[in-house]
Amino acid sequence: TGNIGRTCVAAGAKLHLIEPLGFRINEKALKRAGMDY
């Protein structure tokens, strides 16, 4: 999800997440994969 979020930023796309998620939105691994984007 973090990688996809980063790709969405680069592409100008919006990201929609349908719950339940297998993680918390504020999870460190999610932000690390999405980098500072």
Full PDB file with SEQRES, HELIX, SHEET, SSBOND, CRYST1, ORIGX, SCALE, CONECT and MASTER records, all heavy atoms in Angstrom:
SEQRES   1 A   37  THR GLY ASN ILE GLY ARG THR CYS VAL ALA ALA GLY ALA          
SEQRES   2 A   37  LYS LEU HIS LEU ILE GLU PRO LEU GLY PHE ARG ILE ASN          
SEQRES   3 A   37  GLU LYS ALA LEU LYS ARG ALA GLY MET ASP TYR                  
HELIX    1 AA1 GLY A    2  ALA A   11  1                                  10    
HELIX    2 AA2 LYS A   28  GLY A   34  1                                   7    
CRYST1    1.000    1.000    1.000  90.00  90.00  90.00 P 1           1          
ORIGX1      1.000000  0.000000  0.000000        0.00000                         
ORIGX2      0.000000  1.000000  0.000000        0.00000                         
ORIGX3      0.000000  0.000000  1.000000        0.00000                         
SCALE1      1.000000  0.000000  0.000000        0.00000                         
SCALE2      0.000000  1.000000  0.000000        0.00000                         
SCALE3      0.000000  0.000000  1.000000        0.00000                         
ATOM      1  N   THR A   1       0.833  -1.203   0.000  1.00  0.00           N  
ATOM      2  CA  THR A   1       0.000   0.000   0.000  1.00  0.00           C  
ATOM      3  C   THR A   1       0.868   1.254   0.000  1.00  0.00           C  
ATOM      4  O   THR A   1       0.572   2.222  -0.703  1.00  0.00           O  
ATOM      5  CB  THR A   1      -0.964  -0.016   1.198  1.00  0.00           C  
ATOM      6  OG1 THR A   1      -1.793  -1.181   1.091  1.00  0.00           O  
ATOM      7  CG2 THR A   1      -1.845   1.217   1.222  1.00  0.00           C  
ATOM      8  N   GLY A   2       1.969   1.242   0.738  1.00  0.00           N  
ATOM      9  CA  GLY A   2       2.883   2.377   0.730  1.00  0.00           C  
ATOM     10  C   GLY A   2       3.482   2.617  -0.640  1.00  0.00           C  
ATOM     11  O   GLY A   2       3.558   3.754  -1.120  1.00  0.00           O  
ATOM     12  N   ASN A   3       3.904   1.535  -1.297  1.00  0.00           N  
ATOM     13  CA  ASN A   3       4.455   1.663  -2.652  1.00  0.00           C  
ATOM     14  C   ASN A   3       3.408   2.179  -3.630  1.00  0.00           C  
ATOM     15  O   ASN A   3       3.693   3.016  -4.487  1.00  0.00           O  
ATOM     16  CB  ASN A   3       5.003   0.319  -3.138  1.00  0.00           C  
ATOM     17  CG  ASN A   3       6.353   0.009  -2.548  1.00  0.00           C  
ATOM     18  OD1 ASN A   3       7.177   0.885  -2.358  1.00  0.00           O  
ATOM     19  ND2 ASN A   3       6.582  -1.246  -2.234  1.00  0.00           N  
ATOM     20  N   ILE A   4       2.196   1.688  -3.514  1.00  0.00           N  
ATOM     21  CA  ILE A   4       1.117   2.140  -4.395  1.00  0.00           C  
ATOM     22  C   ILE A   4       0.808   3.611  -4.128  1.00  0.00           C  
ATOM     23  O   ILE A   4       0.592   4.387  -5.059  1.00  0.00           O  
ATOM     24  CB  ILE A   4      -0.127   1.245  -4.231  1.00  0.00           C  
ATOM     25  CG1 ILE A   4       0.178  -0.154  -4.775  1.00  0.00           C  
ATOM     26  CG2 ILE A   4      -1.352   1.849  -4.930  1.00  0.00           C  
ATOM     27  CD1 ILE A   4      -0.831  -1.220  -4.391  1.00  0.00           C  
ATOM     28  N   GLY A   5       0.821   4.008  -2.854  1.00  0.00           N  
ATOM     29  CA  GLY A   5       0.619   5.417  -2.524  1.00  0.00           C  
ATOM     30  C   GLY A   5       1.668   6.300  -3.160  1.00  0.00           C  
ATOM     31  O   GLY A   5       1.361   7.360  -3.722  1.00  0.00           O  
ATOM     32  N   ARG A   6       2.911   5.866  -3.120  1.00  0.00           N  
ATOM     33  CA  ARG A   6       3.996   6.636  -3.743  1.00  0.00           C  
ATOM     34  C   ARG A   6       3.788   6.730  -5.254  1.00  0.00           C  
ATOM     35  O   ARG A   6       3.962   7.796  -5.845  1.00  0.00           O  
ATOM     36  CB  ARG A   6       5.328   5.966  -3.430  1.00  0.00           C  
ATOM     37  CG  ARG A   6       6.510   6.716  -3.963  1.00  0.00           C  
ATOM     38  CD  ARG A   6       7.796   6.047  -3.561  1.00  0.00           C  
ATOM     39  NE  ARG A   6       8.927   6.839  -4.034  1.00  0.00           N  
ATOM     40  CZ  ARG A   6      10.165   6.637  -3.669  1.00  0.00           C  
ATOM     41  NH1 ARG A   6      10.448   5.682  -2.807  1.00  0.00           N  
ATOM     42  NH2 ARG A   6      11.140   7.376  -4.138  1.00  0.00           N  
ATOM     43  N   THR A   7       3.392   5.637  -5.874  1.00  0.00           N  
ATOM     44  CA  THR A   7       3.111   5.647  -7.317  1.00  0.00           C  
ATOM     45  C   THR A   7       1.948   6.592  -7.627  1.00  0.00           C  
ATOM     46  O   THR A   7       1.994   7.326  -8.614  1.00  0.00           O  
ATOM     47  CB  THR A   7       2.809   4.218  -7.815  1.00  0.00           C  
ATOM     48  OG1 THR A   7       3.951   3.393  -7.546  1.00  0.00           O  
ATOM     49  CG2 THR A   7       2.495   4.195  -9.297  1.00  0.00           C  
ATOM     50  N   CYS A   8       0.926   6.590  -6.788  1.00  0.00           N  
ATOM     51  CA  CYS A   8      -0.211   7.498  -6.994  1.00  0.00           C  
ATOM     52  C   CYS A   8       0.226   8.955  -6.949  1.00  0.00           C  
ATOM     53  O   CYS A   8      -0.217   9.772  -7.758  1.00  0.00           O  
ATOM     54  CB  CYS A   8      -1.306   7.239  -5.958  1.00  0.00           C  
ATOM     55  SG  CYS A   8      -2.266   5.740  -6.262  1.00  0.00           S  
ATOM     56  N   VAL A   9       1.101   9.298  -6.007  1.00  0.00           N  
ATOM     57  CA  VAL A   9       1.598  10.672  -5.931  1.00  0.00           C  
ATOM     58  C   VAL A   9       2.331  11.030  -7.222  1.00  0.00           C  
ATOM     59  O   VAL A   9       2.099  12.088  -7.815  1.00  0.00           O  
ATOM     60  CB  VAL A   9       2.503  10.877  -4.698  1.00  0.00           C  
ATOM     61  CG1 VAL A   9       3.210  12.228  -4.754  1.00  0.00           C  
ATOM     62  CG2 VAL A   9       1.685  10.768  -3.414  1.00  0.00           C  
ATOM     63  N   ALA A  10       3.209  10.147  -7.689  1.00  0.00           N  
ATOM     64  CA  ALA A  10       3.975  10.401  -8.908  1.00  0.00           C  
ATOM     65  C   ALA A  10       3.082  10.523 -10.132  1.00  0.00           C  
ATOM     66  O   ALA A  10       3.407  11.234 -11.087  1.00  0.00           O  
ATOM     67  CB  ALA A  10       5.002   9.293  -9.120  1.00  0.00           C  
ATOM     68  N   ALA A  11       1.943   9.827 -10.105  1.00  0.00           N  
ATOM     69  CA  ALA A  11       1.030   9.793 -11.250  1.00  0.00           C  
ATOM     70  C   ALA A  11      -0.124  10.779 -11.126  1.00  0.00           C  
ATOM     71  O   ALA A  11      -0.936  10.890 -12.038  1.00  0.00           O  
ATOM     72  CB  ALA A  11       0.477   8.380 -11.408  1.00  0.00           C  
ATOM     73  N   GLY A  12      -0.238  11.455  -9.996  1.00  0.00           N  
ATOM     74  CA  GLY A  12      -1.361  12.373  -9.798  1.00  0.00           C  
ATOM     75  C   GLY A  12      -2.678  11.652  -9.586  1.00  0.00           C  
ATOM     76  O   GLY A  12      -3.750  12.199  -9.857  1.00  0.00           O  
ATOM     77  N   ALA A  13      -2.623  10.420  -9.115  1.00  0.00           N  
ATOM     78  CA  ALA A  13      -3.830   9.616  -8.901  1.00  0.00           C  
ATOM     79  C   ALA A  13      -4.245   9.673  -7.426  1.00  0.00           C  
ATOM     80  O   ALA A  13      -3.426   9.950  -6.544  1.00  0.00           O  
ATOM     81  CB  ALA A  13      -3.581   8.169  -9.310  1.00  0.00           C  
ATOM     82  N   LYS A  14      -5.511   9.393  -7.184  1.00  0.00           N  
ATOM     83  CA  LYS A  14      -6.033   9.310  -5.827  1.00  0.00           C  
ATOM     84  C   LYS A  14      -6.030   7.847  -5.391  1.00  0.00           C  
ATOM     85  O   LYS A  14      -6.207   6.956  -6.214  1.00  0.00           O  
ATOM     86  CB  LYS A  14      -7.460   9.858  -5.776  1.00  0.00           C  
ATOM     87  CG  LYS A  14      -7.538  11.330  -6.140  1.00  0.00           C  
ATOM     88  CD  LYS A  14      -8.977  11.794  -6.193  1.00  0.00           C  
ATOM     89  CE  LYS A  14      -9.034  13.242  -6.670  1.00  0.00           C  
ATOM     90  NZ  LYS A  14     -10.418  13.688  -6.844  1.00  0.00           N  
ATOM     91  N   LEU A  15      -5.866   7.626  -4.090  1.00  0.00           N  
ATOM     92  CA  LEU A  15      -5.865   6.272  -3.549  1.00  0.00           C  
ATOM     93  C   LEU A  15      -7.070   6.094  -2.638  1.00  0.00           C  
ATOM     94  O   LEU A  15      -7.319   6.917  -1.758  1.00  0.00           O  
ATOM     95  CB  LEU A  15      -4.572   6.005  -2.767  1.00  0.00           C  
ATOM     96  CG  LEU A  15      -4.427   4.628  -2.133  1.00  0.00           C  
ATOM     97  CD1 LEU A  15      -4.447   3.523  -3.198  1.00  0.00           C  
ATOM     98  CD2 LEU A  15      -3.154   4.549  -1.306  1.00  0.00           C  
ATOM     99  N   HIS A  16      -7.810   5.019  -2.859  1.00  0.00           N  
ATOM    100  CA  HIS A  16      -9.006   4.699  -2.079  1.00  0.00           C  
ATOM    101  C   HIS A  16      -8.781   3.346  -1.419  1.00  0.00           C  
ATOM    102  O   HIS A  16      -8.444   2.374  -2.099  1.00  0.00           O  
ATOM    103  CB  HIS A  16     -10.237   4.639  -2.990  1.00  0.00           C  
ATOM    104  CG  HIS A  16     -10.446   5.900  -3.767  1.00  0.00           C  
ATOM    105  ND1 HIS A  16     -11.311   6.875  -3.355  1.00  0.00           N  
ATOM    106  CD2 HIS A  16      -9.889   6.344  -4.923  1.00  0.00           C  
ATOM    107  CE1 HIS A  16     -11.293   7.875  -4.221  1.00  0.00           C  
ATOM    108  NE2 HIS A  16     -10.430   7.575  -5.188  1.00  0.00           N  
ATOM    109  N   LEU A  17      -8.958   3.288  -0.102  1.00  0.00           N  
ATOM    110  CA  LEU A  17      -8.733   2.061   0.659  1.00  0.00           C  
ATOM    111  C   LEU A  17     -10.044   1.581   1.260  1.00  0.00           C  
ATOM    112  O   LEU A  17     -10.696   2.318   2.014  1.00  0.00           O  
ATOM    113  CB  LEU A  17      -7.727   2.319   1.782  1.00  0.00           C  
ATOM    114  CG  LEU A  17      -6.364   2.879   1.347  1.00  0.00           C  
ATOM    115  CD1 LEU A  17      -5.519   3.209   2.570  1.00  0.00           C  
ATOM    116  CD2 LEU A  17      -5.653   1.909   0.426  1.00  0.00           C  
ATOM    117  N   ILE A  18     -10.430   0.361   0.913  1.00  0.00           N  
ATOM    118  CA  ILE A  18     -11.659  -0.231   1.443  1.00  0.00           C  
ATOM    119  C   ILE A  18     -11.276  -1.154   2.595  1.00  0.00           C  
ATOM    120  O   ILE A  18     -10.476  -2.077   2.427  1.00  0.00           O  
ATOM    121  CB  ILE A  18     -12.428  -0.990   0.350  1.00  0.00           C  
ATOM    122  CG1 ILE A  18     -12.851  -0.014  -0.758  1.00  0.00           C  
ATOM    123  CG2 ILE A  18     -13.643  -1.705   0.949  1.00  0.00           C  
ATOM    124  CD1 ILE A  18     -13.511  -0.673  -1.957  1.00  0.00           C  
ATOM    125  N   GLU A  19     -11.835  -0.889   3.755  1.00  0.00           N  
ATOM    126  CA  GLU A  19     -11.569  -1.682   4.963  1.00  0.00           C  
ATOM    127  C   GLU A  19     -12.302  -3.008   4.922  1.00  0.00           C  
ATOM    128  O   GLU A  19     -13.248  -3.150   4.169  1.00  0.00           O  
ATOM    129  CB  GLU A  19     -11.995  -0.863   6.190  1.00  0.00           C  
ATOM    130  CG  GLU A  19     -11.192   0.414   6.336  1.00  0.00           C  
ATOM    131  CD  GLU A  19     -11.670   1.287   7.495  1.00  0.00           C  
ATOM    132  OE1 GLU A  19     -12.755   1.017   8.070  1.00  0.00           O  
ATOM    133  OE2 GLU A  19     -10.960   2.235   7.824  1.00  0.00           O  
ATOM    134  N   PRO A  20     -11.842  -3.970   5.733  1.00  0.00           N  
ATOM    135  CA  PRO A  20     -10.777  -3.845   6.723  1.00  0.00           C  
ATOM    136  C   PRO A  20      -9.396  -3.880   6.085  1.00  0.00           C  
ATOM    137  O   PRO A  20      -9.170  -4.559   5.086  1.00  0.00           O  
ATOM    138  CB  PRO A  20     -10.992  -5.051   7.633  1.00  0.00           C  
ATOM    139  CG  PRO A  20     -11.647  -6.073   6.761  1.00  0.00           C  
ATOM    140  CD  PRO A  20     -12.484  -5.292   5.787  1.00  0.00           C  
ATOM    141  N   LEU A  21      -8.477  -3.127   6.679  1.00  0.00           N  
ATOM    142  CA  LEU A  21      -7.092  -3.101   6.239  1.00  0.00           C  
ATOM    143  C   LEU A  21      -6.295  -4.068   7.109  1.00  0.00           C  
ATOM    144  O   LEU A  21      -6.627  -4.268   8.274  1.00  0.00           O  
ATOM    145  CB  LEU A  21      -6.507  -1.689   6.385  1.00  0.00           C  
ATOM    146  CG  LEU A  21      -7.305  -0.540   5.765  1.00  0.00           C  
ATOM    147  CD1 LEU A  21      -6.596   0.786   6.019  1.00  0.00           C  
ATOM    148  CD2 LEU A  21      -7.534  -0.759   4.280  1.00  0.00           C  
ATOM    149  N   GLY A  22      -5.244  -4.618   6.577  1.00  0.00           N  
ATOM    150  CA  GLY A  22      -4.402  -5.534   7.334  1.00  0.00           C  
ATOM    151  C   GLY A  22      -3.339  -4.811   8.139  1.00  0.00           C  
ATOM    152  O   GLY A  22      -2.370  -5.422   8.579  1.00  0.00           O  
ATOM    153  N   PHE A  23      -3.505  -3.504   8.342  1.00  0.00           N  
ATOM    154  CA  PHE A  23      -2.519  -2.670   9.027  1.00  0.00           C  
ATOM    155  C   PHE A  23      -3.212  -1.380   9.437  1.00  0.00           C  
ATOM    156  O   PHE A  23      -4.351  -1.122   9.043  1.00  0.00           O  
ATOM    157  CB  PHE A  23      -1.340  -2.354   8.092  1.00  0.00           C  
ATOM    158  CG  PHE A  23      -1.804  -1.848   6.749  1.00  0.00           C  
ATOM    159  CD1 PHE A  23      -2.075  -0.504   6.530  1.00  0.00           C  
ATOM    160  CD2 PHE A  23      -2.013  -2.727   5.701  1.00  0.00           C  
ATOM    161  CE1 PHE A  23      -2.536  -0.052   5.303  1.00  0.00           C  
ATOM    162  CE2 PHE A  23      -2.466  -2.290   4.462  1.00  0.00           C  
ATOM    163  CZ  PHE A  23      -2.731  -0.943   4.268  1.00  0.00           C  
ATOM    164  N   ARG A  24      -2.511  -0.576  10.223  1.00  0.00           N  
ATOM    165  CA  ARG A  24      -3.011   0.743  10.583  1.00  0.00           C  
ATOM    166  C   ARG A  24      -2.427   1.764   9.619  1.00  0.00           C  
ATOM    167  O   ARG A  24      -1.279   1.646   9.194  1.00  0.00           O  
ATOM    168  CB  ARG A  24      -2.620   1.086  12.020  1.00  0.00           C  
ATOM    169  CG  ARG A  24      -3.305   0.202  13.052  1.00  0.00           C  
ATOM    170  CD  ARG A  24      -2.952   0.595  14.481  1.00  0.00           C  
ATOM    171  NE  ARG A  24      -1.546   0.924  14.705  1.00  0.00           N  
ATOM    172  CZ  ARG A  24      -0.581   0.035  14.942  1.00  0.00           C  
ATOM    173  NH1 ARG A  24      -0.864  -1.262  14.983  1.00  0.00           N  
ATOM    174  NH2 ARG A  24       0.668   0.433  15.139  1.00  0.00           N  
ATOM    175  N   ILE A  25      -3.205   2.792   9.279  1.00  0.00           N  
ATOM    176  CA  ILE A  25      -2.743   3.824   8.341  1.00  0.00           C  
ATOM    177  C   ILE A  25      -1.468   4.503   8.846  1.00  0.00           C  
ATOM    178  O   ILE A  25      -0.637   4.914   8.063  1.00  0.00           O  
ATOM    179  CB  ILE A  25      -3.862   4.871   8.119  1.00  0.00           C  
ATOM    180  CG1 ILE A  25      -5.002   4.271   7.307  1.00  0.00           C  
ATOM    181  CG2 ILE A  25      -3.332   6.125   7.424  1.00  0.00           C  
ATOM    182  CD1 ILE A  25      -4.687   4.041   5.856  1.00  0.00           C  
ATOM    183  N   ASN A  26      -1.289   4.603  10.136  1.00  0.00           N  
ATOM    184  CA  ASN A  26      -0.106   5.283  10.658  1.00  0.00           C  
ATOM    185  C   ASN A  26       1.075   4.328  10.877  1.00  0.00           C  
ATOM    186  O   ASN A  26       2.069   4.710  11.478  1.00  0.00           O  
ATOM    187  CB  ASN A  26      -0.442   6.011  11.964  1.00  0.00           C  
ATOM    188  CG  ASN A  26      -0.916   5.067  13.045  1.00  0.00           C  
ATOM    189  OD1 ASN A  26      -1.065   3.867  12.816  1.00  0.00           O  
ATOM    190  ND2 ASN A  26      -1.166   5.608  14.227  1.00  0.00           N  
ATOM    191  N   GLU A  27       0.966   3.111  10.389  1.00  0.00           N  
ATOM    192  CA  GLU A  27       2.008   2.107  10.589  1.00  0.00           C  
ATOM    193  C   GLU A  27       3.321   2.524   9.916  1.00  0.00           C  
ATOM    194  O   GLU A  27       3.331   3.024   8.796  1.00  0.00           O  
ATOM    195  CB  GLU A  27       1.527   0.768  10.034  1.00  0.00           C  
ATOM    196  CG  GLU A  27       2.366  -0.391  10.472  1.00  0.00           C  
ATOM    197  CD  GLU A  27       1.650  -1.706  10.240  1.00  0.00           C  
ATOM    198  OE1 GLU A  27       0.473  -1.831  10.603  1.00  0.00           O  
ATOM    199  OE2 GLU A  27       2.290  -2.612   9.691  1.00  0.00           O  
ATOM    200  N   LYS A  28       4.421   2.293  10.628  1.00  0.00           N  
ATOM    201  CA  LYS A  28       5.745   2.695  10.164  1.00  0.00           C  
ATOM    202  C   LYS A  28       6.086   2.076   8.802  1.00  0.00           C  
ATOM    203  O   LYS A  28       6.637   2.740   7.923  1.00  0.00           O  
ATOM    204  CB  LYS A  28       6.798   2.289  11.199  1.00  0.00           C  
ATOM    205  CG  LYS A  28       8.187   2.805  10.870  1.00  0.00           C  
ATOM    206  CD  LYS A  28       9.247   2.226  11.775  1.00  0.00           C  
ATOM    207  CE  LYS A  28       9.151   2.808  13.164  1.00  0.00           C  
ATOM    208  NZ  LYS A  28      10.269   2.356  14.030  1.00  0.00           N  
ATOM    209  N   ALA A  29       5.760   0.805   8.591  1.00  0.00           N  
ATOM    210  CA  ALA A  29       6.092   0.132   7.322  1.00  0.00           C  
ATOM    211  C   ALA A  29       5.372   0.774   6.143  1.00  0.00           C  
ATOM    212  O   ALA A  29       5.919   0.864   5.041  1.00  0.00           O  
ATOM    213  CB  ALA A  29       5.740  -1.350   7.400  1.00  0.00           C  
ATOM    214  N   LEU A  30       4.159   1.231   6.360  1.00  0.00           N  
ATOM    215  CA  LEU A  30       3.390   1.892   5.306  1.00  0.00           C  
ATOM    216  C   LEU A  30       4.069   3.202   4.914  1.00  0.00           C  
ATOM    217  O   LEU A  30       4.297   3.476   3.738  1.00  0.00           O  
ATOM    218  CB  LEU A  30       1.964   2.166   5.805  1.00  0.00           C  
ATOM    219  CG  LEU A  30       1.044   2.923   4.880  1.00  0.00           C  
ATOM    220  CD1 LEU A  30       0.631   2.043   3.722  1.00  0.00           C  
ATOM    221  CD2 LEU A  30      -0.176   3.386   5.643  1.00  0.00           C  
ATOM    222  N   LYS A  31       4.415   3.990   5.890  1.00  0.00           N  
ATOM    223  CA  LYS A  31       5.056   5.283   5.615  1.00  0.00           C  
ATOM    224  C   LYS A  31       6.449   5.095   5.034  1.00  0.00           C  
ATOM    225  O   LYS A  31       6.880   5.859   4.179  1.00  0.00           O  
ATOM    226  CB  LYS A  31       5.110   6.108   6.890  1.00  0.00           C  
ATOM    227  CG  LYS A  31       3.711   6.355   7.450  1.00  0.00           C  
ATOM    228  CD  LYS A  31       3.374   7.795   7.529  1.00  0.00           C  
ATOM    229  CE  LYS A  31       1.918   7.965   7.802  1.00  0.00           C  
ATOM    230  NZ  LYS A  31       1.526   8.522   9.011  1.00  0.00           N  
ATOM    231  N   ARG A  32       7.178   4.071   5.497  1.00  0.00           N  
ATOM    232  CA  ARG A  32       8.518   3.828   4.976  1.00  0.00           C  
ATOM    233  C   ARG A  32       8.449   3.485   3.494  1.00  0.00           C  
ATOM    234  O   ARG A  32       9.221   3.988   2.688  1.00  0.00           O  
ATOM    235  CB  ARG A  32       9.200   2.694   5.752  1.00  0.00           C  
ATOM    236  CG  ARG A  32      10.657   2.524   5.367  1.00  0.00           C  
ATOM    237  CD  ARG A  32      11.367   1.436   6.165  1.00  0.00           C  
ATOM    238  NE  ARG A  32      11.091   1.510   7.583  1.00  0.00           N  
ATOM    239  CZ  ARG A  32      10.625   0.477   8.292  1.00  0.00           C  
ATOM    240  NH1 ARG A  32      10.405  -0.688   7.732  1.00  0.00           N  
ATOM    241  NH2 ARG A  32      10.400   0.606   9.578  1.00  0.00           N  
ATOM    242  N   ALA A  33       7.511   2.632   3.113  1.00  0.00           N  
ATOM    243  CA  ALA A  33       7.379   2.247   1.705  1.00  0.00           C  
ATOM    244  C   ALA A  33       6.904   3.424   0.851  1.00  0.00           C  
ATOM    245  O   ALA A  33       7.287   3.547  -0.307  1.00  0.00           O  
ATOM    246  CB  ALA A  33       6.408   1.078   1.572  1.00  0.00           C  
ATOM    247  N   GLY A  34       6.075   4.272   1.418  1.00  0.00           N  
ATOM    248  CA  GLY A  34       5.592   5.446   0.698  1.00  0.00           C  
ATOM    249  C   GLY A  34       6.560   6.606   0.758  1.00  0.00           C  
ATOM    250  O   GLY A  34       6.335   7.648   0.155  1.00  0.00           O  
ATOM    251  N   MET A  35       7.644   6.397   1.528  1.00  0.00           N  
ATOM    252  CA  MET A  35       8.688   7.400   1.722  1.00  0.00           C  
ATOM    253  C   MET A  35       8.065   8.686   2.253  1.00  0.00           C  
ATOM    254  O   MET A  35       7.097   8.650   2.985  1.00  0.00           O  
ATOM    255  CB  MET A  35       9.455   7.629   0.416  1.00  0.00           C  
ATOM    256  CG  MET A  35      10.048   6.376  -0.178  1.00  0.00           C  
ATOM    257  SD  MET A  35      11.421   5.679   0.732  1.00  0.00           S  
ATOM    258  CE  MET A  35      12.681   6.889   0.426  1.00  0.00           C  
ATOM    259  N   ASP A  36       8.609   9.787   1.858  1.00  0.00           N  
ATOM    260  CA  ASP A  36       8.108  11.065   2.346  1.00  0.00           C  
ATOM    261  C   ASP A  36       6.959  11.587   1.486  1.00  0.00           C  
ATOM    262  O   ASP A  36       6.538  12.715   1.632  1.00  0.00           O  
ATOM    263  CB  ASP A  36       9.241  12.085   2.404  1.00  0.00           C  
ATOM    264  CG  ASP A  36       9.994  12.212   1.092  1.00  0.00           C  
ATOM    265  OD1 ASP A  36       9.825  11.335   0.218  1.00  0.00           O  
ATOM    266  OD2 ASP A  36      10.756  13.173   0.947  1.00  0.00           O  
ATOM    267  N   TYR A  37       6.424  10.753   0.615  1.00  0.00           N  
ATOM    268  CA  TYR A  37       5.343  11.159  -0.270  1.00  0.00           C  
ATOM    269  C   TYR A  37       3.967  11.019   0.366  1.00  0.00           C  
ATOM    270  O   TYR A  37       2.994  11.544  -0.145  1.00  0.00           O  
ATOM    271  CB  TYR A  37       5.363  10.331  -1.562  1.00  0.00           C  
ATOM    272  CG  TYR A  37       6.620  10.531  -2.371  1.00  0.00           C  
ATOM    273  CD1 TYR A  37       7.677   9.658  -2.267  1.00  0.00           C  
ATOM    274  CD2 TYR A  37       6.738  11.613  -3.232  1.00  0.00           C  
ATOM    275  CE1 TYR A  37       8.835   9.833  -3.002  1.00  0.00           C  
ATOM    276  CE2 TYR A  37       7.887  11.804  -3.974  1.00  0.00           C  
ATOM    277  CZ  TYR A  37       8.926  10.914  -3.858  1.00  0.00           C  
ATOM    278  OH  TYR A  37      10.061  11.111  -4.582  1.00  0.00           O  
TER     279      TYR A  37                                                      
MASTER        0    0    0    2    0    0    0    6  278    1    0    3          
END                                                                             
